[in-house]
Each structure stands twice: as structure tokens, then as C-alpha cells.
Protein backbone atom coordinates (compact mmCIF):
# COMPACT_ATOMS: atom_id res chain seq x y z
CA UNK A 1 -9.11 -9.64 11.18
CA UNK A 2 -8.08 -12.28 8.66
CA UNK A 3 -7.57 -9.70 5.95
CA UNK A 4 -5.48 -7.49 8.23
CA UNK A 5 -3.16 -10.35 9.18
CA UNK A 6 -2.71 -11.29 5.53
CA UNK A 7 -2.00 -7.72 4.45
CA UNK A 8 0.51 -7.35 7.28
CA UNK A 9 2.25 -10.59 6.27
CA UNK A 10 2.46 -9.52 2.63
CA UNK A 11 3.79 -6.06 3.47
CA UNK A 12 6.38 -7.41 5.92
CA UNK A 13 7.42 -10.04 3.37
CA UNK A 14 7.93 -7.51 0.59
CA UNK A 15 9.80 -5.12 2.91
CA UNK A 16 12.05 -7.96 4.03
CA UNK A 17 12.74 -8.91 0.41
CA UNK A 18 13.53 -5.36 -0.63
CA UNK A 19 15.74 -4.76 2.40
CA UNK A 20 17.62 -8.02 1.97
CA UNK A 21 18.22 -7.42 -1.72
CA UNK A 22 18.94 -3.70 -1.98
CA UNK A 23 20.68 -3.03 1.32
CA UNK A 24 22.21 -6.34 2.41
CA UNK A 25 22.95 -8.40 -0.71
CA UNK A 26 23.39 -6.11 -3.68
CA UNK A 27 26.54 -4.06 -3.40
CA UNK A 28 26.32 -0.41 -4.34
CA UNK A 29 28.97 1.15 -6.51
CA UNK A 30 31.10 0.27 -9.51
CA UNK A 31 32.31 -3.34 -9.50
CA UNK A 32 36.07 -2.97 -9.27
CA UNK A 33 36.97 -6.05 -7.20
CA UNK A 34 35.77 -9.54 -6.42
CA UNK A 35 34.23 -8.36 -3.15
CA UNK A 36 31.42 -6.70 -5.14
CA UNK A 37 30.05 -10.13 -6.05
CA UNK A 38 29.78 -11.07 -2.36
CA UNK A 39 26.76 -10.00 -0.29
CA UNK A 40 27.43 -7.62 2.58
CA UNK A 41 25.70 -9.96 4.98
CA UNK A 42 26.45 -13.67 4.51
CA UNK A 43 22.85 -14.73 5.18
CA UNK A 44 21.15 -11.98 3.12
CA UNK A 45 19.88 -14.50 0.52
CA UNK A 46 18.26 -16.45 3.35
CA UNK A 47 16.41 -13.32 4.49
CA UNK A 48 15.20 -12.79 0.92
CA UNK A 49 13.88 -16.36 0.77
CA UNK A 50 12.18 -15.96 4.15
CA UNK A 51 10.41 -12.88 2.76
CA UNK A 52 9.19 -14.91 -0.23
CA UNK A 53 7.98 -17.68 2.05
CA UNK A 54 6.16 -15.14 4.22
CA UNK A 55 4.31 -13.71 1.22
CA UNK A 56 3.31 -17.16 -0.04
CA UNK A 57 2.26 -18.33 3.42
CA UNK A 58 -0.10 -15.36 3.61
CA UNK A 59 -2.32 -17.18 1.12
CA UNK A 60 -2.40 -20.20 3.43
CA UNK A 61 -3.31 -18.03 6.39
CA UNK A 62 -6.10 -16.41 4.40
CA UNK A 63 -7.56 -19.79 3.48
CA UNK A 64 -7.13 -21.50 6.83
CA UNK A 65 -8.26 -18.77 9.24
CA UNK A 66 -12.01 -18.64 9.56
CA UNK A 67 -13.75 -15.46 8.53
CA UNK A 68 -15.44 -13.66 11.40
CA UNK A 69 -18.65 -13.06 9.39
CA UNK A 70 -18.98 -16.66 8.16
CA UNK A 71 -20.61 -17.86 11.40
CA UNK A 72 -23.26 -15.14 11.42
CA UNK A 73 -24.85 -16.40 8.39
């Protein structure tokens, strides 16, 4: 169960990062105006950082959640 939660957190974190960067922050097309340096969504960088934090917190979850087989000994 612990491994599944961690894998899910890592996958969701990476998907959130990729979505925030490629679809919400990075403009597509040839830069012809100042608006191309602005993200499409004002809080897209925040979503990218939340994705990074989710991936790094997966390591904490892996270490802090007890393993199901550890008690059986």
C-alpha cells in the first residue's frame, strides 16, 4: 500500500508539473509580442511548484508510513 501511494504521488506530481509548464505557463508559437513572456494562467508557476513539492513529499510518505509486512516479522 505504501508503495502504491508513493507511486501515485510521484505520477500526479510529474503530470501536474508537465501540465503547468507546457499547457499553462509556456506560450506556444513565435514570440511576436510581450504577451508571450506572460503565462496563460497567472498562477501556473505555483502549480508547477506544488507538483515539485508533491514529488519530494512522496519520499517523506514512503519513510513515515509503516510497511504492512514489517509487523509480520
